[in-house]
Amino acid sequence: MPTRRAILALAAGAASLSGCRSPDGGGGAGGSLSVTASDATVTPGETATVDVQASLVGVLTWRLGDVPESWQITYEEFEPQPTAVRESYPPQLVWDPVVESVSGQLSVAVPSAAVPGTYTLPVEAGSDTTDERAVSEAVITVEDPGTSTTDASG
């Protein structure tokens, strides 16, 4: 018959493993698919940098949203590096197997003729093995060139 100490040890072991995930990204309750994209403020002719962080991700995409087609969007400094890149629309960064955490940047080249205003850039994360998706919208604010973009807080 198990002792109270043995039962407590088993319960503690089970609790410590509850957040673990199998190598294929399945099982466990230790986290969920998520993505966060930061906002950016620029003037026409500058490049907006959108910081992206995602958890439990296998595929990361971005769509134009309000961003005009002529604005070039590139990905940079993703860590870990994607295992594949699908040059399609929307472009897809792929991690196989699913990674616990990824971060990087999307650079948005804002043409010098851009109209001041706000533009949304939807960034979507998925596992590539399920239909589950997480979306974050970065807001790119293009200010009139006469408006200062300097942060007064230092």
N, C-alpha and C. Protein backbone atom coordinates (compact mmCIF):
# COMPACT_ATOMS: atom_id res chain seq x y z
N MET A 1 0.85 -1.17 0.00
CA MET A 1 0.00 0.00 0.00
C MET A 1 0.90 1.24 0.00
N PRO A 2 0.62 2.22 -0.89
CA PRO A 2 1.48 3.39 -0.97
C PRO A 2 1.36 4.25 0.30
N THR A 3 2.48 4.81 0.67
CA THR A 3 2.49 5.70 1.82
C THR A 3 2.08 7.10 1.38
N ARG A 4 1.77 7.92 2.36
CA ARG A 4 1.40 9.30 2.08
C ARG A 4 2.56 10.03 1.39
N ARG A 5 3.78 9.76 1.82
CA ARG A 5 4.97 10.37 1.24
C ARG A 5 5.09 9.99 -0.24
N ALA A 6 4.83 8.73 -0.59
CA ALA A 6 4.92 8.27 -1.98
C ALA A 6 3.86 8.96 -2.85
N ILE A 7 2.67 9.10 -2.30
CA ILE A 7 1.59 9.76 -3.05
C ILE A 7 1.92 11.23 -3.27
N LEU A 8 2.45 11.90 -2.24
CA LEU A 8 2.83 13.30 -2.38
C LEU A 8 3.97 13.46 -3.38
N ALA A 9 4.91 12.54 -3.38
CA ALA A 9 6.02 12.59 -4.34
C ALA A 9 5.51 12.43 -5.76
N LEU A 10 4.58 11.51 -5.98
CA LEU A 10 4.00 11.32 -7.31
C LEU A 10 3.22 12.56 -7.75
N ALA A 11 2.47 13.16 -6.83
CA ALA A 11 1.70 14.36 -7.15
C ALA A 11 2.63 15.51 -7.51
N ALA A 12 3.71 15.67 -6.76
CA ALA A 12 4.68 16.73 -7.05
C ALA A 12 5.34 16.50 -8.40
N GLY A 13 5.67 15.27 -8.70
CA GLY A 13 6.28 14.95 -9.99
C GLY A 13 5.33 15.23 -11.14
N ALA A 14 4.08 14.86 -10.98
CA ALA A 14 3.08 15.13 -12.01
C ALA A 14 2.89 16.62 -12.20
N ALA A 15 2.86 17.37 -11.11
CA ALA A 15 2.69 18.82 -11.20
C ALA A 15 3.88 19.46 -11.90
N SER A 16 5.09 18.98 -11.64
CA SER A 16 6.26 19.57 -12.28
C SER A 16 6.31 19.26 -13.76
N LEU A 17 5.68 18.18 -14.20
CA LEU A 17 5.67 17.83 -15.61
C LEU A 17 4.47 18.40 -16.36
N SER A 18 3.54 18.99 -15.67
CA SER A 18 2.30 19.44 -16.32
C SER A 18 2.55 20.50 -17.36
N GLY A 19 3.62 21.25 -17.27
CA GLY A 19 3.91 22.28 -18.26
C GLY A 19 4.80 21.80 -19.38
N CYS A 20 5.23 20.56 -19.35
CA CYS A 20 6.12 20.04 -20.38
C CYS A 20 5.33 19.72 -21.64
N ARG A 21 6.00 19.86 -22.76
CA ARG A 21 5.40 19.54 -24.04
C ARG A 21 6.24 18.47 -24.72
N SER A 22 5.59 17.66 -25.50
CA SER A 22 6.33 16.65 -26.25
C SER A 22 7.11 17.32 -27.36
N PRO A 23 8.14 16.68 -27.91
CA PRO A 23 8.94 17.31 -28.96
C PRO A 23 8.13 17.73 -30.18
N ASP A 24 7.01 17.08 -30.45
CA ASP A 24 6.22 17.45 -31.61
C ASP A 24 5.28 18.62 -31.32
N GLY A 25 5.36 19.21 -30.13
CA GLY A 25 4.55 20.37 -29.78
C GLY A 25 3.19 20.03 -29.22
N GLY A 26 2.87 18.77 -29.10
CA GLY A 26 1.56 18.40 -28.60
C GLY A 26 1.57 18.18 -27.11
N GLY A 27 0.40 18.06 -26.54
CA GLY A 27 0.25 17.72 -25.12
C GLY A 27 0.67 18.83 -24.20
N GLY A 28 0.46 18.62 -22.91
CA GLY A 28 0.87 19.58 -21.90
C GLY A 28 -0.05 20.78 -21.86
N ALA A 29 -0.02 21.45 -20.73
CA ALA A 29 -0.86 22.63 -20.56
C ALA A 29 0.00 23.81 -20.16
N GLY A 30 1.28 23.79 -20.53
CA GLY A 30 2.21 24.79 -20.05
C GLY A 30 2.20 26.10 -20.79
N GLY A 31 1.39 26.26 -21.80
CA GLY A 31 1.38 27.51 -22.53
C GLY A 31 0.41 27.41 -23.68
N SER A 32 0.33 28.51 -24.43
CA SER A 32 -0.56 28.49 -25.57
C SER A 32 0.05 29.32 -26.69
N LEU A 33 -0.46 29.11 -27.86
CA LEU A 33 -0.05 29.85 -29.04
C LEU A 33 -0.34 31.33 -28.81
N SER A 34 0.65 32.17 -29.08
CA SER A 34 0.42 33.62 -28.94
C SER A 34 1.39 34.37 -29.85
N VAL A 35 1.02 35.60 -30.18
CA VAL A 35 1.89 36.48 -30.95
C VAL A 35 1.61 37.92 -30.53
N THR A 36 2.68 38.71 -30.47
CA THR A 36 2.58 40.14 -30.15
C THR A 36 3.43 40.91 -31.14
N ALA A 37 2.85 41.93 -31.75
CA ALA A 37 3.57 42.80 -32.68
C ALA A 37 3.49 44.22 -32.16
N SER A 38 4.64 44.90 -32.10
CA SER A 38 4.68 46.26 -31.55
C SER A 38 4.24 47.28 -32.59
N ASP A 39 3.84 48.44 -32.11
CA ASP A 39 3.49 49.55 -32.99
C ASP A 39 4.76 50.33 -33.34
N ALA A 40 4.69 51.14 -34.40
CA ALA A 40 5.85 51.94 -34.81
C ALA A 40 5.37 53.28 -35.34
N THR A 41 6.19 54.30 -35.16
CA THR A 41 5.90 55.64 -35.67
C THR A 41 7.08 56.11 -36.50
N VAL A 42 6.80 56.56 -37.72
CA VAL A 42 7.84 57.02 -38.64
C VAL A 42 7.34 58.22 -39.43
N THR A 43 8.23 58.84 -40.17
CA THR A 43 7.86 59.85 -41.15
C THR A 43 8.09 59.23 -42.53
N PRO A 44 7.46 59.77 -43.57
CA PRO A 44 7.66 59.23 -44.91
C PRO A 44 9.16 59.16 -45.26
N GLY A 45 9.55 58.07 -45.90
CA GLY A 45 10.95 57.87 -46.28
C GLY A 45 11.74 57.06 -45.27
N GLU A 46 11.17 56.80 -44.09
CA GLU A 46 11.85 56.02 -43.06
C GLU A 46 11.38 54.57 -43.09
N THR A 47 12.07 53.73 -42.33
CA THR A 47 11.69 52.33 -42.19
C THR A 47 11.11 52.10 -40.81
N ALA A 48 9.91 51.58 -40.77
CA ALA A 48 9.26 51.25 -39.49
C ALA A 48 9.72 49.87 -39.06
N THR A 49 10.07 49.72 -37.79
CA THR A 49 10.48 48.43 -37.24
C THR A 49 9.41 47.93 -36.30
N VAL A 50 8.86 46.75 -36.63
CA VAL A 50 7.83 46.12 -35.82
C VAL A 50 8.47 44.93 -35.12
N ASP A 51 8.54 44.99 -33.80
CA ASP A 51 9.09 43.86 -33.02
C ASP A 51 8.00 42.81 -32.89
N VAL A 52 8.39 41.53 -33.13
CA VAL A 52 7.44 40.43 -33.09
C VAL A 52 7.94 39.39 -32.10
N GLN A 53 7.06 38.93 -31.23
CA GLN A 53 7.35 37.83 -30.30
C GLN A 53 6.20 36.85 -30.39
N ALA A 54 6.54 35.55 -30.44
CA ALA A 54 5.50 34.53 -30.52
C ALA A 54 5.89 33.34 -29.66
N SER A 55 4.89 32.62 -29.19
CA SER A 55 5.10 31.42 -28.38
C SER A 55 4.39 30.24 -29.02
N LEU A 56 5.02 29.07 -28.91
CA LEU A 56 4.49 27.82 -29.43
C LEU A 56 4.07 27.96 -30.89
N VAL A 57 5.00 28.46 -31.70
CA VAL A 57 4.71 28.80 -33.08
C VAL A 57 5.42 27.86 -34.05
N GLY A 58 4.71 27.53 -35.13
CA GLY A 58 5.28 26.74 -36.22
C GLY A 58 5.30 27.54 -37.50
N VAL A 59 4.37 28.51 -37.64
CA VAL A 59 4.28 29.34 -38.84
C VAL A 59 3.95 30.77 -38.43
N LEU A 60 4.65 31.73 -39.01
CA LEU A 60 4.39 33.14 -38.76
C LEU A 60 4.16 33.81 -40.11
N THR A 61 3.07 34.56 -40.24
CA THR A 61 2.76 35.26 -41.49
C THR A 61 2.40 36.70 -41.19
N TRP A 62 2.41 37.51 -42.22
CA TRP A 62 1.92 38.88 -42.10
C TRP A 62 1.19 39.22 -43.38
N ARG A 63 0.14 40.03 -43.22
CA ARG A 63 -0.69 40.44 -44.36
C ARG A 63 -0.61 41.96 -44.47
N LEU A 64 -1.00 42.47 -45.60
CA LEU A 64 -0.90 43.91 -45.81
C LEU A 64 -1.85 44.70 -44.92
N GLY A 65 -3.04 44.21 -44.63
CA GLY A 65 -3.97 45.01 -43.84
C GLY A 65 -4.20 46.33 -44.55
N ASP A 66 -3.94 47.43 -43.85
CA ASP A 66 -4.08 48.76 -44.45
C ASP A 66 -2.81 49.21 -45.17
N VAL A 67 -1.74 48.46 -45.04
CA VAL A 67 -0.46 48.85 -45.62
C VAL A 67 -0.54 48.71 -47.15
N PRO A 68 -0.20 49.77 -47.88
CA PRO A 68 -0.24 49.69 -49.35
C PRO A 68 0.71 48.61 -49.89
N GLU A 69 0.31 48.00 -51.01
CA GLU A 69 1.12 46.94 -51.62
C GLU A 69 2.53 47.40 -51.98
N SER A 70 2.70 48.67 -52.27
CA SER A 70 4.01 49.17 -52.70
C SER A 70 5.03 49.26 -51.56
N TRP A 71 4.59 49.13 -50.32
CA TRP A 71 5.50 49.20 -49.19
C TRP A 71 6.18 47.85 -49.03
N GLN A 72 7.49 47.83 -49.04
CA GLN A 72 8.23 46.58 -48.92
C GLN A 72 8.35 46.17 -47.45
N ILE A 73 8.00 44.90 -47.16
CA ILE A 73 8.09 44.36 -45.80
C ILE A 73 9.08 43.21 -45.82
N THR A 74 10.08 43.28 -44.95
CA THR A 74 11.08 42.21 -44.85
C THR A 74 11.18 41.75 -43.40
N TYR A 75 11.65 40.53 -43.22
CA TYR A 75 11.85 39.99 -41.87
C TYR A 75 13.34 40.01 -41.56
N GLU A 76 13.66 40.22 -40.28
CA GLU A 76 15.06 40.33 -39.86
C GLU A 76 15.26 39.77 -38.46
N GLU A 77 16.43 39.23 -38.25
CA GLU A 77 16.92 38.87 -36.91
C GLU A 77 15.98 37.97 -36.11
N PHE A 78 15.31 37.03 -36.77
CA PHE A 78 14.46 36.10 -36.01
C PHE A 78 15.34 35.07 -35.32
N GLU A 79 15.05 34.87 -34.05
CA GLU A 79 15.80 33.93 -33.23
C GLU A 79 14.84 33.02 -32.51
N PRO A 80 14.84 31.75 -32.74
CA PRO A 80 15.73 31.06 -33.67
C PRO A 80 15.33 31.35 -35.12
N GLN A 81 16.28 31.11 -36.01
CA GLN A 81 16.02 31.28 -37.44
C GLN A 81 14.95 30.30 -37.89
N PRO A 82 14.08 30.70 -38.83
CA PRO A 82 13.10 29.75 -39.34
C PRO A 82 13.79 28.61 -40.08
N THR A 83 13.17 27.43 -40.06
CA THR A 83 13.74 26.29 -40.78
C THR A 83 13.41 26.36 -42.26
N ALA A 84 12.39 27.13 -42.63
CA ALA A 84 12.02 27.33 -44.03
C ALA A 84 11.30 28.66 -44.18
N VAL A 85 11.34 29.20 -45.39
CA VAL A 85 10.62 30.43 -45.71
C VAL A 85 9.80 30.14 -46.97
N ARG A 86 8.51 30.35 -46.87
CA ARG A 86 7.63 30.16 -48.03
C ARG A 86 7.35 31.52 -48.64
N GLU A 87 7.92 31.76 -49.82
CA GLU A 87 7.76 33.04 -50.51
C GLU A 87 6.44 33.03 -51.27
N SER A 88 5.37 33.25 -50.57
CA SER A 88 4.03 33.25 -51.14
C SER A 88 3.31 34.46 -50.57
N TYR A 89 2.03 34.59 -50.86
CA TYR A 89 1.26 35.58 -50.14
C TYR A 89 0.19 34.87 -49.34
N PRO A 90 0.17 35.05 -48.06
CA PRO A 90 1.16 35.83 -47.31
C PRO A 90 2.46 35.06 -47.15
N PRO A 91 3.58 35.80 -47.02
CA PRO A 91 4.85 35.12 -46.78
C PRO A 91 4.77 34.33 -45.47
N GLN A 92 5.48 33.22 -45.40
CA GLN A 92 5.43 32.38 -44.21
C GLN A 92 6.83 32.04 -43.73
N LEU A 93 7.08 32.30 -42.45
CA LEU A 93 8.28 31.82 -41.79
C LEU A 93 7.87 30.54 -41.08
N VAL A 94 8.63 29.46 -41.26
CA VAL A 94 8.23 28.15 -40.75
C VAL A 94 9.29 27.62 -39.79
N TRP A 95 8.83 27.10 -38.65
CA TRP A 95 9.70 26.40 -37.70
C TRP A 95 9.18 24.98 -37.57
N ASP A 96 10.05 24.02 -37.88
CA ASP A 96 9.68 22.61 -37.78
C ASP A 96 10.80 21.88 -37.09
N PRO A 97 10.56 21.46 -35.85
CA PRO A 97 9.29 21.42 -35.13
C PRO A 97 8.92 22.79 -34.55
N VAL A 98 7.71 22.84 -34.01
CA VAL A 98 7.20 24.05 -33.35
C VAL A 98 8.19 24.49 -32.27
N VAL A 99 8.43 25.81 -32.16
CA VAL A 99 9.35 26.33 -31.16
C VAL A 99 8.58 26.96 -30.00
N GLU A 100 9.18 26.88 -28.83
CA GLU A 100 8.55 27.44 -27.62
C GLU A 100 8.43 28.95 -27.70
N SER A 101 9.47 29.61 -28.25
CA SER A 101 9.48 31.06 -28.27
C SER A 101 10.32 31.54 -29.45
N VAL A 102 9.87 32.60 -30.10
CA VAL A 102 10.60 33.19 -31.22
C VAL A 102 10.43 34.70 -31.14
N SER A 103 11.47 35.42 -31.56
CA SER A 103 11.36 36.87 -31.63
C SER A 103 12.16 37.37 -32.83
N GLY A 104 11.75 38.49 -33.35
CA GLY A 104 12.43 39.08 -34.50
C GLY A 104 11.75 40.38 -34.87
N GLN A 105 12.05 40.85 -36.07
CA GLN A 105 11.52 42.14 -36.50
C GLN A 105 11.00 42.06 -37.93
N LEU A 106 9.97 42.83 -38.18
CA LEU A 106 9.50 43.08 -39.53
C LEU A 106 9.85 44.53 -39.83
N SER A 107 10.53 44.76 -40.95
CA SER A 107 10.88 46.11 -41.36
C SER A 107 9.96 46.53 -42.49
N VAL A 108 9.33 47.68 -42.32
CA VAL A 108 8.38 48.18 -43.30
C VAL A 108 8.96 49.46 -43.89
N ALA A 109 9.34 49.40 -45.17
CA ALA A 109 9.90 50.57 -45.86
C ALA A 109 8.75 51.49 -46.27
N VAL A 110 8.68 52.64 -45.63
CA VAL A 110 7.61 53.61 -45.90
C VAL A 110 8.14 54.59 -46.94
N PRO A 111 7.53 54.62 -48.13
CA PRO A 111 8.04 55.50 -49.19
C PRO A 111 7.94 56.98 -48.81
N SER A 112 8.80 57.80 -49.42
CA SER A 112 8.79 59.22 -49.11
C SER A 112 7.50 59.90 -49.55
N ALA A 113 6.74 59.29 -50.46
CA ALA A 113 5.45 59.85 -50.90
C ALA A 113 4.27 59.33 -50.07
N ALA A 114 4.54 58.59 -48.99
CA ALA A 114 3.46 58.01 -48.17
C ALA A 114 2.60 59.10 -47.55
N VAL A 115 1.30 58.83 -47.51
CA VAL A 115 0.35 59.76 -46.91
C VAL A 115 0.35 59.55 -45.39
N PRO A 116 0.52 60.64 -44.62
CA PRO A 116 0.46 60.49 -43.17
C PRO A 116 -0.87 59.87 -42.73
N GLY A 117 -0.80 59.04 -41.70
CA GLY A 117 -1.98 58.36 -41.19
C GLY A 117 -1.58 57.10 -40.44
N THR A 118 -2.55 56.27 -40.09
CA THR A 118 -2.26 55.01 -39.40
C THR A 118 -2.60 53.85 -40.32
N TYR A 119 -1.76 52.82 -40.24
CA TYR A 119 -1.89 51.65 -41.09
C TYR A 119 -1.72 50.41 -40.21
N THR A 120 -2.57 49.40 -40.39
CA THR A 120 -2.44 48.18 -39.59
C THR A 120 -1.73 47.11 -40.39
N LEU A 121 -0.91 46.35 -39.68
CA LEU A 121 -0.17 45.23 -40.25
C LEU A 121 -0.48 44.00 -39.40
N PRO A 122 -1.44 43.15 -39.83
CA PRO A 122 -1.77 41.95 -39.06
C PRO A 122 -0.63 40.92 -39.13
N VAL A 123 -0.23 40.41 -37.98
CA VAL A 123 0.78 39.37 -37.88
C VAL A 123 0.10 38.16 -37.25
N GLU A 124 0.22 37.00 -37.91
CA GLU A 124 -0.50 35.80 -37.47
C GLU A 124 0.47 34.67 -37.18
N ALA A 125 0.22 33.97 -36.09
CA ALA A 125 1.02 32.80 -35.72
C ALA A 125 0.12 31.58 -35.71
N GLY A 126 0.68 30.45 -36.11
CA GLY A 126 -0.05 29.19 -36.08
C GLY A 126 0.91 28.05 -35.80
N SER A 127 0.34 26.88 -35.59
CA SER A 127 1.20 25.72 -35.31
C SER A 127 1.53 24.94 -36.57
N ASP A 128 0.82 25.16 -37.66
CA ASP A 128 0.97 24.46 -38.94
C ASP A 128 0.46 23.03 -38.88
N THR A 129 0.01 22.57 -37.70
CA THR A 129 -0.56 21.23 -37.60
C THR A 129 -2.02 21.28 -37.14
N THR A 130 -2.47 22.45 -36.69
CA THR A 130 -3.86 22.61 -36.29
C THR A 130 -4.39 23.89 -36.91
N ASP A 131 -5.67 24.12 -36.76
CA ASP A 131 -6.29 25.34 -37.29
C ASP A 131 -6.18 26.52 -36.32
N GLU A 132 -5.59 26.27 -35.14
CA GLU A 132 -5.47 27.33 -34.14
C GLU A 132 -4.57 28.44 -34.67
N ARG A 133 -5.02 29.70 -34.49
CA ARG A 133 -4.26 30.86 -34.92
C ARG A 133 -4.33 31.94 -33.84
N ALA A 134 -3.29 32.75 -33.79
CA ALA A 134 -3.27 33.92 -32.92
C ALA A 134 -2.87 35.10 -33.81
N VAL A 135 -3.51 36.25 -33.61
CA VAL A 135 -3.25 37.42 -34.45
C VAL A 135 -2.99 38.63 -33.57
N SER A 136 -2.01 39.43 -33.99
CA SER A 136 -1.73 40.71 -33.35
C SER A 136 -1.61 41.74 -34.47
N GLU A 137 -2.19 42.92 -34.28
CA GLU A 137 -2.11 43.95 -35.30
C GLU A 137 -1.15 45.04 -34.86
N ALA A 138 -0.09 45.22 -35.63
CA ALA A 138 0.83 46.33 -35.40
C ALA A 138 0.23 47.57 -36.06
N VAL A 139 0.28 48.69 -35.38
CA VAL A 139 -0.20 49.94 -35.95
C VAL A 139 1.02 50.77 -36.33
N ILE A 140 1.12 51.07 -37.61
CA ILE A 140 2.22 51.90 -38.11
C ILE A 140 1.66 53.29 -38.33
N THR A 141 2.19 54.24 -37.58
CA THR A 141 1.75 55.63 -37.69
C THR A 141 2.77 56.38 -38.53
N VAL A 142 2.29 56.93 -39.63
CA VAL A 142 3.15 57.76 -40.49
C VAL A 142 2.79 59.20 -40.19
N GLU A 143 3.76 59.92 -39.62
CA GLU A 143 3.53 61.31 -39.23
C GLU A 143 3.95 62.25 -40.34
N ASP A 144 3.36 63.43 -40.34
CA ASP A 144 3.76 64.48 -41.26
C ASP A 144 5.23 64.78 -41.01
N PRO A 145 6.03 64.99 -42.05
CA PRO A 145 7.46 65.23 -41.84
C PRO A 145 7.78 66.38 -40.90
N GLY A 146 6.85 67.31 -40.70
CA GLY A 146 7.07 68.41 -39.78
C GLY A 146 6.83 68.05 -38.33
N THR A 147 6.31 66.84 -38.05
CA THR A 147 6.01 66.39 -36.70
C THR A 147 7.22 65.64 -36.14
N SER A 148 7.62 65.96 -34.93
CA SER A 148 8.75 65.31 -34.31
C SER A 148 8.38 63.90 -33.86
N THR A 149 9.29 62.92 -34.09
CA THR A 149 9.07 61.55 -33.63
C THR A 149 9.97 61.20 -32.46
N THR A 150 10.64 62.23 -31.90
CA THR A 150 11.55 62.00 -30.79
C THR A 150 10.76 61.75 -29.50
N ASP A 151 11.15 60.74 -28.78
CA ASP A 151 10.51 60.41 -27.51
C ASP A 151 11.02 61.35 -26.43
N ALA A 152 10.15 62.16 -25.86
CA ALA A 152 10.54 63.16 -24.87
C ALA A 152 10.94 62.55 -23.54
N SER A 153 10.66 61.24 -23.34
CA SER A 153 10.96 60.63 -22.05
C SER A 153 12.44 60.28 -21.91
N GLY A 154 13.20 60.46 -22.96
CA GLY A 154 14.64 60.27 -22.82
C GLY A 154 15.13 59.14 -23.56
